[in-house]
């Protein structure tokens, strides 16, 4: 695992000296995950509201989920 600024940045497999990136993660400066890419399995994108709450994730294959919160953030 490769860490950058206290956040997981990559998962790498090293086998016989061969280095293979299995997954890569990208965060905003505040730590919110914005992208997760494991090209063999998934490529996900994350969106947040002005309060920093996750409101949506989606992939390249038209799969998505949306999250809504009530007035007190539940």
PDB file of N, CA and C in Angstrom:
ATOM      1  N   UNK A   1       0.840  -1.172   0.000  1.00  0.00           N
ATOM      2  CA  UNK A   1       0.000   0.000   0.000  1.00  0.00           C
ATOM      3  C   UNK A   1       0.887   1.238   0.000  1.00  0.00           C
ATOM      4  N   UNK A   2       0.434   2.222  -0.740  1.00  0.00           N
ATOM      5  CA  UNK A   2       1.156   3.487  -0.834  1.00  0.00           C
ATOM      6  C   UNK A   2       0.265   4.571  -0.239  1.00  0.00           C
ATOM      7  N   UNK A   3       0.800   5.291   0.736  1.00  0.00           N
ATOM      8  CA  UNK A   3       0.065   6.352   1.415  1.00  0.00           C
ATOM      9  C   UNK A   3       0.615   7.700   0.971  1.00  0.00           C
ATOM     10  N   UNK A   4      -0.274   8.678   0.845  1.00  0.00           N
ATOM     11  CA  UNK A   4       0.134  10.030   0.487  1.00  0.00           C
ATOM     12  C   UNK A   4      -0.695  10.998   1.326  1.00  0.00           C
ATOM     13  N   UNK A   5      -0.044  11.872   2.049  1.00  0.00           N
ATOM     14  CA  UNK A   5      -0.728  12.842   2.923  1.00  0.00           C
ATOM     15  C   UNK A   5      -1.720  12.155   3.867  1.00  0.00           C
ATOM     16  N   UNK A   6      -1.312  11.040   4.449  1.00  0.00           N
ATOM     17  CA  UNK A   6      -2.115  10.267   5.409  1.00  0.00           C
ATOM     18  C   UNK A   6      -3.321   9.564   4.806  1.00  0.00           C
ATOM     19  N   UNK A   7      -3.420   9.493   3.479  1.00  0.00           N
ATOM     20  CA  UNK A   7      -4.535   8.819   2.815  1.00  0.00           C
ATOM     21  C   UNK A   7      -3.997   7.713   1.916  1.00  0.00           C
ATOM     22  N   UNK A   8      -4.777   6.646   1.820  1.00  0.00           N
ATOM     23  CA  UNK A   8      -4.400   5.563   0.924  1.00  0.00           C
ATOM     24  C   UNK A   8      -4.433   6.075  -0.508  1.00  0.00           C
ATOM     25  N   UNK A   9      -3.330   5.957  -1.215  1.00  0.00           N
ATOM     26  CA  UNK A   9      -3.208   6.477  -2.573  1.00  0.00           C
ATOM     27  C   UNK A   9      -3.196   5.350  -3.609  1.00  0.00           C
ATOM     28  N   UNK A  10      -2.530   4.245  -3.299  1.00  0.00           N
ATOM     29  CA  UNK A  10      -2.438   3.130  -4.240  1.00  0.00           C
ATOM     30  C   UNK A  10      -2.350   1.809  -3.500  1.00  0.00           C
ATOM     31  N   UNK A  11      -2.821   0.780  -4.175  1.00  0.00           N
ATOM     32  CA  UNK A  11      -2.547  -0.585  -3.756  1.00  0.00           C
ATOM     33  C   UNK A  11      -1.724  -1.202  -4.875  1.00  0.00           C
ATOM     34  N   UNK A  12      -0.544  -1.671  -4.521  1.00  0.00           N
ATOM     35  CA  UNK A  12       0.412  -2.179  -5.502  1.00  0.00           C
ATOM     36  C   UNK A  12       0.795  -3.602  -5.130  1.00  0.00           C
ATOM     37  N   UNK A  13       0.861  -4.468  -6.128  1.00  0.00           N
ATOM     38  CA  UNK A  13       1.349  -5.832  -5.912  1.00  0.00           C
ATOM     39  C   UNK A  13       2.754  -5.911  -6.491  1.00  0.00           C
ATOM     40  N   UNK A  14       3.665  -6.448  -5.691  1.00  0.00           N
ATOM     41  CA  UNK A  14       5.036  -6.656  -6.155  1.00  0.00           C
ATOM     42  C   UNK A  14       5.291  -8.150  -6.121  1.00  0.00           C
ATOM     43  N   UNK A  15       5.560  -8.715  -7.282  1.00  0.00           N
ATOM     44  CA  UNK A  15       5.747 -10.155  -7.419  1.00  0.00           C
ATOM     45  C   UNK A  15       6.987 -10.389  -8.271  1.00  0.00           C
ATOM     46  N   UNK A  16       8.016 -10.938  -7.659  1.00  0.00           N
ATOM     47  CA  UNK A  16       9.251 -11.194  -8.393  1.00  0.00           C
ATOM     48  C   UNK A  16       9.864  -9.940  -8.980  1.00  0.00           C
ATOM     49  N   UNK A  17       9.734  -8.836  -8.273  1.00  0.00           N
ATOM     50  CA  UNK A  17      10.282  -7.574  -8.755  1.00  0.00           C
ATOM     51  C   UNK A  17       9.356  -6.835  -9.704  1.00  0.00           C
ATOM     52  N   UNK A  18       8.302  -7.482 -10.157  1.00  0.00           N
ATOM     53  CA  UNK A  18       7.326  -6.852 -11.055  1.00  0.00           C
ATOM     54  C   UNK A  18       6.309  -6.080 -10.219  1.00  0.00           C
ATOM     55  N   UNK A  19       6.133  -4.810 -10.514  1.00  0.00           N
ATOM     56  CA  UNK A  19       5.224  -3.937  -9.762  1.00  0.00           C
ATOM     57  C   UNK A  19       3.950  -3.726 -10.585  1.00  0.00           C
ATOM     58  N   UNK A  20       2.800  -4.069 -10.004  1.00  0.00           N
ATOM     59  CA  UNK A  20       1.516  -3.917 -10.682  1.00  0.00           C
ATOM     60  C   UNK A  20       0.578  -3.096  -9.800  1.00  0.00           C
ATOM     61  N   UNK A  21       0.067  -1.999 -10.341  1.00  0.00           N
ATOM     62  CA  UNK A  21      -0.887  -1.182  -9.592  1.00  0.00           C
ATOM     63  C   UNK A  21      -2.254  -1.853  -9.655  1.00  0.00           C
ATOM     64  N   UNK A  22      -2.814  -2.176  -8.509  1.00  0.00           N
ATOM     65  CA  UNK A  22      -4.121  -2.819  -8.444  1.00  0.00           C
ATOM     66  C   UNK A  22      -5.249  -1.807  -8.283  1.00  0.00           C
ATOM     67  N   UNK A  23      -4.977  -0.731  -7.563  1.00  0.00           N
ATOM     68  CA  UNK A  23      -5.997   0.298  -7.346  1.00  0.00           C
ATOM     69  C   UNK A  23      -5.322   1.629  -7.065  1.00  0.00           C
ATOM     70  N   UNK A  24      -6.025   2.693  -7.416  1.00  0.00           N
ATOM     71  CA  UNK A  24      -5.531   4.046  -7.169  1.00  0.00           C
ATOM     72  C   UNK A  24      -6.695   4.875  -6.630  1.00  0.00           C
ATOM     73  N   UNK A  25      -6.404   5.704  -5.630  1.00  0.00           N
ATOM     74  CA  UNK A  25      -7.428   6.514  -4.980  1.00  0.00           C
ATOM     75  C   UNK A  25      -7.020   7.977  -5.028  1.00  0.00           C
ATOM     76  N   UNK A  26      -8.015   8.845  -5.207  1.00  0.00           N
ATOM     77  CA  UNK A  26      -7.749  10.283  -5.249  1.00  0.00           C
ATOM     78  C   UNK A  26      -8.679  10.976  -4.259  1.00  0.00           C
ATOM     79  N   UNK A  27      -8.102  11.850  -3.441  1.00  0.00           N
ATOM     80  CA  UNK A  27      -8.863  12.598  -2.449  1.00  0.00           C
ATOM     81  C   UNK A  27      -8.717  14.093  -2.683  1.00  0.00           C
ATOM     82  N   UNK A  28      -9.712  14.840  -2.197  1.00  0.00           N
ATOM     83  CA  UNK A  28      -9.591  16.296  -2.144  1.00  0.00           C
ATOM     84  C   UNK A  28      -8.645  16.644  -1.001  1.00  0.00           C
ATOM     85  N   UNK A  29      -8.267  17.903  -0.905  1.00  0.00           N
ATOM     86  CA  UNK A  29      -7.372  18.345   0.168  1.00  0.00           C
ATOM     87  C   UNK A  29      -7.969  18.080   1.550  1.00  0.00           C
ATOM     88  N   UNK A  30      -9.304  18.071   1.658  1.00  0.00           N
ATOM     89  CA  UNK A  30      -9.958  17.833   2.950  1.00  0.00           C
ATOM     90  C   UNK A  30     -10.123  16.344   3.261  1.00  0.00           C
ATOM     91  N   UNK A  31      -9.630  15.485   2.381  1.00  0.00           N
ATOM     92  CA  UNK A  31      -9.669  14.045   2.618  1.00  0.00           C
ATOM     93  C   UNK A  31     -10.827  13.308   1.991  1.00  0.00           C
ATOM     94  N   UNK A  32     -11.775  14.018   1.406  1.00  0.00           N
ATOM     95  CA  UNK A  32     -12.908  13.341   0.778  1.00  0.00           C
ATOM     96  C   UNK A  32     -12.444  12.543  -0.439  1.00  0.00           C
ATOM     97  N   UNK A  33     -12.852  11.302  -0.483  1.00  0.00           N
ATOM     98  CA  UNK A  33     -12.536  10.451  -1.622  1.00  0.00           C
ATOM     99  C   UNK A  33     -13.327  10.929  -2.828  1.00  0.00           C
ATOM    100  N   UNK A  34     -12.655  11.207  -3.946  1.00  0.00           N
ATOM    101  CA  UNK A  34     -13.350  11.651  -5.150  1.00  0.00           C
ATOM    102  C   UNK A  34     -13.292  10.623  -6.269  1.00  0.00           C
ATOM    103  N   UNK A  35     -12.308   9.728  -6.208  1.00  0.00           N
ATOM    104  CA  UNK A  35     -12.184   8.739  -7.277  1.00  0.00           C
ATOM    105  C   UNK A  35     -11.478   7.498  -6.750  1.00  0.00           C
ATOM    106  N   UNK A  36     -11.983   6.346  -7.153  1.00  0.00           N
ATOM    107  CA  UNK A  36     -11.363   5.065  -6.829  1.00  0.00           C
ATOM    108  C   UNK A  36     -11.291   4.273  -8.124  1.00  0.00           C
ATOM    109  N   UNK A  37     -10.090   3.880  -8.505  1.00  0.00           N
ATOM    110  CA  UNK A  37      -9.891   3.215  -9.792  1.00  0.00           C
ATOM    111  C   UNK A  37      -9.132   1.909  -9.611  1.00  0.00           C
ATOM    112  N   UNK A  38      -9.835   0.814  -9.791  1.00  0.00           N
ATOM    113  CA  UNK A  38      -9.224  -0.511  -9.885  1.00  0.00           C
ATOM    114  C   UNK A  38      -9.617  -0.990 -11.275  1.00  0.00           C
ATOM    115  N   UNK A  39      -8.849  -0.590 -12.264  1.00  0.00           N
ATOM    116  CA  UNK A  39      -9.253  -0.681 -13.666  1.00  0.00           C
ATOM    117  C   UNK A  39      -9.766  -2.049 -14.092  1.00  0.00           C
ATOM    118  N   UNK A  40      -9.331  -3.109 -13.458  1.00  0.00           N
ATOM    119  CA  UNK A  40      -9.832  -4.431 -13.821  1.00  0.00           C
ATOM    120  C   UNK A  40     -11.230  -4.680 -13.274  1.00  0.00           C
ATOM    121  N   UNK A  41     -11.647  -3.922 -12.252  1.00  0.00           N
ATOM    122  CA  UNK A  41     -12.907  -4.225 -11.584  1.00  0.00           C
ATOM    123  C   UNK A  41     -13.880  -3.051 -11.518  1.00  0.00           C
ATOM    124  N   UNK A  42     -13.387  -1.853 -11.249  1.00  0.00           N
ATOM    125  CA  UNK A  42     -14.294  -0.712 -11.081  1.00  0.00           C
ATOM    126  C   UNK A  42     -13.539   0.597 -11.256  1.00  0.00           C
ATOM    127  N   UNK A  43     -14.287   1.637 -11.531  1.00  0.00           N
ATOM    128  CA  UNK A  43     -13.788   3.010 -11.549  1.00  0.00           C
ATOM    129  C   UNK A  43     -14.939   3.857 -11.021  1.00  0.00           C
ATOM    130  N   UNK A  44     -14.829   4.299  -9.784  1.00  0.00           N
ATOM    131  CA  UNK A  44     -15.914   4.991  -9.100  1.00  0.00           C
ATOM    132  C   UNK A  44     -15.580   6.462  -8.876  1.00  0.00           C
ATOM    133  N   UNK A  45     -16.618   7.283  -8.904  1.00  0.00           N
ATOM    134  CA  UNK A  45     -16.501   8.715  -8.672  1.00  0.00           C
ATOM    135  C   UNK A  45     -17.471   9.096  -7.555  1.00  0.00           C
ATOM    136  N   UNK A  46     -17.053  10.005  -6.673  1.00  0.00           N
ATOM    137  CA  UNK A  46     -17.843  10.373  -5.500  1.00  0.00           C
ATOM    138  C   UNK A  46     -18.106  11.871  -5.500  1.00  0.00           C
ATOM    139  N   UNK A  47     -19.326  12.246  -5.087  1.00  0.00           N
ATOM    140  CA  UNK A  47     -19.712  13.661  -5.017  1.00  0.00           C
ATOM    141  C   UNK A  47     -20.254  13.966  -3.619  1.00  0.00           C
ATOM    142  N   UNK A  48     -20.035  15.210  -3.174  1.00  0.00           N
ATOM    143  CA  UNK A  48     -20.401  15.629  -1.819  1.00  0.00           C
ATOM    144  C   UNK A  48     -21.197  16.923  -1.869  1.00  0.00           C
ATOM    145  N   UNK A  49     -22.020  17.150  -0.850  1.00  0.00           N
ATOM    146  CA  UNK A  49     -22.754  18.414  -0.767  1.00  0.00           C
ATOM    147  C   UNK A  49     -21.905  19.467  -0.046  1.00  0.00           C
ATOM    148  N   UNK A  50     -22.466  20.663   0.125  1.00  0.00           N
ATOM    149  CA  UNK A  50     -21.705  21.764   0.736  1.00  0.00           C
ATOM    150  C   UNK A  50     -21.369  21.508   2.200  1.00  0.00           C
ATOM    151  N   UNK A  51     -22.014  20.511   2.812  1.00  0.00           N
ATOM    152  CA  UNK A  51     -21.733  20.151   4.203  1.00  0.00           C
ATOM    153  C   UNK A  51     -20.716  19.012   4.301  1.00  0.00           C
ATOM    154  N   UNK A  52     -20.208  18.569   3.152  1.00  0.00           N
ATOM    155  CA  UNK A  52     -19.208  17.512   3.135  1.00  0.00           C
ATOM    156  C   UNK A  52     -19.766  16.106   3.205  1.00  0.00           C
ATOM    157  N   UNK A  53     -21.074  15.965   3.017  1.00  0.00           N
ATOM    158  CA  UNK A  53     -21.705  14.642   3.080  1.00  0.00           C
ATOM    159  C   UNK A  53     -21.744  14.014   1.693  1.00  0.00           C
ATOM    160  N   UNK A  54     -21.505  12.728   1.646  1.00  0.00           N
ATOM    161  CA  UNK A  54     -21.585  12.002   0.380  1.00  0.00           C
ATOM    162  C   UNK A  54     -23.011  12.072  -0.143  1.00  0.00           C
ATOM    163  N   UNK A  55     -23.178  12.522  -1.397  1.00  0.00           N
ATOM    164  CA  UNK A  55     -24.520  12.591  -1.973  1.00  0.00           C
ATOM    165  C   UNK A  55     -24.684  11.684  -3.191  1.00  0.00           C
ATOM    166  N   UNK A  56     -23.578  11.249  -3.793  1.00  0.00           N
ATOM    167  CA  UNK A  56     -23.707  10.418  -4.989  1.00  0.00           C
ATOM    168  C   UNK A  56     -22.387   9.737  -5.290  1.00  0.00           C
ATOM    169  N   UNK A  57     -22.481   8.516  -5.790  1.00  0.00           N
ATOM    170  CA  UNK A  57     -21.330   7.869  -6.402  1.00  0.00           C
ATOM    171  C   UNK A  57     -21.811   7.272  -7.715  1.00  0.00           C
ATOM    172  N   UNK A  58     -20.901   7.149  -8.659  1.00  0.00           N
ATOM    173  CA  UNK A  58     -21.261   6.557  -9.949  1.00  0.00           C
ATOM    174  C   UNK A  58     -20.027   5.945 -10.582  1.00  0.00           C
ATOM    175  N   UNK A  59     -20.262   5.111 -11.583  1.00  0.00           N
ATOM    176  CA  UNK A  59     -19.158   4.501 -12.314  1.00  0.00           C
ATOM    177  C   UNK A  59     -19.312   4.795 -13.806  1.00  0.00           C
ATOM    178  N   UNK A  60     -18.483   4.151 -14.619  1.00  0.00           N
ATOM    179  CA  UNK A  60     -18.543   4.343 -16.073  1.00  0.00           C
ATOM    180  C   UNK A  60     -19.666   3.541 -16.726  1.00  0.00           C
ATOM    181  N   UNK A  61     -20.293   2.662 -15.970  1.00  0.00           N
ATOM    182  CA  UNK A  61     -21.269   1.741 -16.554  1.00  0.00           C
ATOM    183  C   UNK A  61     -22.701   2.107 -16.197  1.00  0.00           C
ATOM    184  N   UNK A  62     -22.951   3.341 -15.871  1.00  0.00           N
ATOM    185  CA  UNK A  62     -24.284   3.852 -15.560  1.00  0.00           C
ATOM    186  C   UNK A  62     -24.862   3.289 -14.262  1.00  0.00           C
ATOM    187  N   UNK A  63     -24.016   2.766 -13.408  1.00  0.00           N
ATOM    188  CA  UNK A  63     -24.444   2.358 -12.073  1.00  0.00           C
ATOM    189  C   UNK A  63     -24.197   3.538 -11.145  1.00  0.00           C
ATOM    190  N   UNK A  64     -25.166   3.833 -10.298  1.00  0.00           N
ATOM    191  CA  UNK A  64     -25.004   4.968  -9.403  1.00  0.00           C
ATOM    192  C   UNK A  64     -25.882   4.795  -8.174  1.00  0.00           C
ATOM    193  N   UNK A  65     -25.575   5.564  -7.162  1.00  0.00           N
ATOM    194  CA  UNK A  65     -26.403   5.635  -5.958  1.00  0.00           C
ATOM    195  C   UNK A  65     -26.433   7.089  -5.508  1.00  0.00           C
ATOM    196  N   UNK A  66     -27.581   7.505  -5.030  1.00  0.00           N
ATOM    197  CA  UNK A  66     -27.743   8.873  -4.538  1.00  0.00           C
ATOM    198  C   UNK A  66     -28.158   8.800  -3.074  1.00  0.00           C
ATOM    199  N   UNK A  67     -27.634   9.699  -2.270  1.00  0.00           N
ATOM    200  CA  UNK A  67     -27.939   9.744  -0.845  1.00  0.00           C
ATOM    201  C   UNK A  67     -28.595  11.079  -0.524  1.00  0.00           C
ATOM    202  N   UNK A  68     -29.649  11.036   0.277  1.00  0.00           N
ATOM    203  CA  UNK A  68     -30.326  12.249   0.721  1.00  0.00           C
ATOM    204  C   UNK A  68     -30.327  12.279   2.243  1.00  0.00           C
ATOM    205  N   UNK A  69     -30.322  13.478   2.789  1.00  0.00           N
ATOM    206  CA  UNK A  69     -30.265  13.664   4.235  1.00  0.00           C
ATOM    207  C   UNK A  69     -31.444  14.511   4.682  1.00  0.00           C
ATOM    208  N   UNK A  70     -31.900  14.274   5.896  1.00  0.00           N
ATOM    209  CA  UNK A  70     -32.984  15.094   6.433  1.00  0.00           C
ATOM    210  C   UNK A  70     -32.406  16.388   7.010  1.00  0.00           C
ATOM    211  N   UNK A  71     -33.260  17.194   7.608  1.00  0.00           N
ATOM    212  CA  UNK A  71     -32.859  18.520   8.098  1.00  0.00           C
ATOM    213  C   UNK A  71     -31.769  18.476   9.159  1.00  0.00           C
ATOM    214  N   UNK A  72     -31.644  17.359   9.867  1.00  0.00           N
ATOM    215  CA  UNK A  72     -30.596  17.272  10.892  1.00  0.00           C
ATOM    216  C   UNK A  72     -29.440  16.366  10.461  1.00  0.00           C
ATOM    217  N   UNK A  73     -29.363  16.090   9.163  1.00  0.00           N
ATOM    218  CA  UNK A  73     -28.197  15.399   8.619  1.00  0.00           C
ATOM    219  C   UNK A  73     -28.193  13.893   8.704  1.00  0.00           C
ATOM    220  N   UNK A  74     -29.367  13.290   8.902  1.00  0.00           N
ATOM    221  CA  UNK A  74     -29.415  11.824   8.953  1.00  0.00           C
ATOM    222  C   UNK A  74     -29.725  11.266   7.595  1.00  0.00           C
TER     223      UNK A  74
END
